[in-house]
């Protein structure tokens, strides 16, 4: 599974587990704020991604990603390092 698909699948799973309505289309331009997930859901997402991907790029960034595309790029770039 790619980093992109891992992130998107986990967003969907977390939304279902926490009974959140997520954006109809989880494309790169959707703002994380508008995705339907709240701060608890994002915390769960970060922990799951660290477990599954072995990456925690958010611990070293000064600015949190704004869109889903930004989040995906952050993880993809971290995997390349």
Protein backbone atom coordinates (compact mmCIF):
# COMPACT_ATOMS: atom_id res chain seq x y z
CA UNK A 1 0.00 0.00 0.00
CA UNK A 2 1.32 3.46 -0.82
CA UNK A 3 1.71 6.25 1.72
CA UNK A 4 -1.15 8.10 0.03
CA UNK A 5 -3.52 5.15 0.24
CA UNK A 6 -2.46 4.37 3.82
CA UNK A 7 -3.31 7.92 4.88
CA UNK A 8 -6.64 8.01 3.03
CA UNK A 9 -7.73 4.58 4.28
CA UNK A 10 -6.87 5.55 7.85
CA UNK A 11 -8.82 8.81 7.57
CA UNK A 12 -11.85 6.80 6.46
CA UNK A 13 -11.45 4.21 9.23
CA UNK A 14 -11.02 6.84 11.94
CA UNK A 15 -14.01 8.80 10.67
CA UNK A 16 -16.14 5.67 10.83
CA UNK A 17 -14.87 4.71 14.29
CA UNK A 18 -15.59 8.19 15.69
CA UNK A 19 -18.82 8.59 13.72
CA UNK A 20 -17.59 11.63 11.79
CA UNK A 21 -18.92 12.67 8.40
CA UNK A 22 -15.89 13.20 6.19
CA UNK A 23 -15.64 15.22 3.01
CA UNK A 24 -17.27 13.46 0.08
CA UNK A 25 -14.05 13.66 -1.89
CA UNK A 26 -10.78 13.34 0.00
CA UNK A 27 -8.67 14.99 -2.67
CA UNK A 28 -5.43 16.91 -2.21
CA UNK A 29 -7.15 20.29 -2.12
CA UNK A 30 -9.46 19.54 0.82
CA UNK A 31 -8.38 21.50 3.88
CA UNK A 32 -7.76 19.28 6.88
CA UNK A 33 -10.04 21.60 8.84
CA UNK A 34 -12.84 20.81 6.34
CA UNK A 35 -12.16 17.08 6.15
CA UNK A 36 -14.64 16.25 8.91
CA UNK A 37 -12.06 15.04 11.43
CA UNK A 38 -11.54 16.83 14.72
CA UNK A 39 -8.33 17.23 16.74
CA UNK A 40 -8.78 13.89 18.54
CA UNK A 41 -9.21 12.14 15.19
CA UNK A 42 -6.03 13.79 13.87
CA UNK A 43 -4.12 12.67 16.95
CA UNK A 44 -5.32 9.11 16.36
CA UNK A 45 -4.35 9.41 12.69
CA UNK A 46 -0.81 10.53 13.54
CA UNK A 47 -0.36 7.63 15.98
CA UNK A 48 -1.69 5.09 13.49
CA UNK A 49 0.53 6.44 10.73
CA UNK A 50 3.57 6.25 12.99
CA UNK A 51 2.70 2.62 13.80
CA UNK A 52 2.05 1.63 10.19
CA UNK A 53 4.64 3.72 8.36
CA UNK A 54 7.28 4.16 11.05
CA UNK A 55 7.24 7.89 10.37
CA UNK A 56 6.46 10.91 12.55
CA UNK A 57 7.26 13.94 10.39
CA UNK A 58 4.86 16.14 12.35
CA UNK A 59 7.18 16.14 15.35
CA UNK A 60 9.76 18.16 13.43
CA UNK A 61 7.66 20.67 11.47
CA UNK A 62 7.01 24.22 12.55
CA UNK A 63 3.75 24.50 10.63
CA UNK A 64 1.01 21.88 10.53
CA UNK A 65 -0.09 20.87 6.99
CA UNK A 66 -3.15 22.74 5.72
CA UNK A 67 -4.58 20.33 3.14
CA UNK A 68 -4.77 16.59 2.71
CA UNK A 69 -2.26 16.96 -0.12
CA UNK A 70 0.14 18.80 2.21
CA UNK A 71 -0.17 15.99 4.76
CA UNK A 72 0.50 13.32 2.15
CA UNK A 73 3.52 15.20 0.75
CA UNK A 74 4.94 15.63 4.25
CA UNK A 75 4.82 11.87 4.85
CA UNK A 76 6.10 11.03 1.36
CA UNK A 77 9.03 13.44 1.72
CA UNK A 78 9.83 12.08 5.17
CA UNK A 79 9.93 8.53 3.78
CA UNK A 80 12.53 9.61 1.20
CA UNK A 81 14.95 10.87 3.84
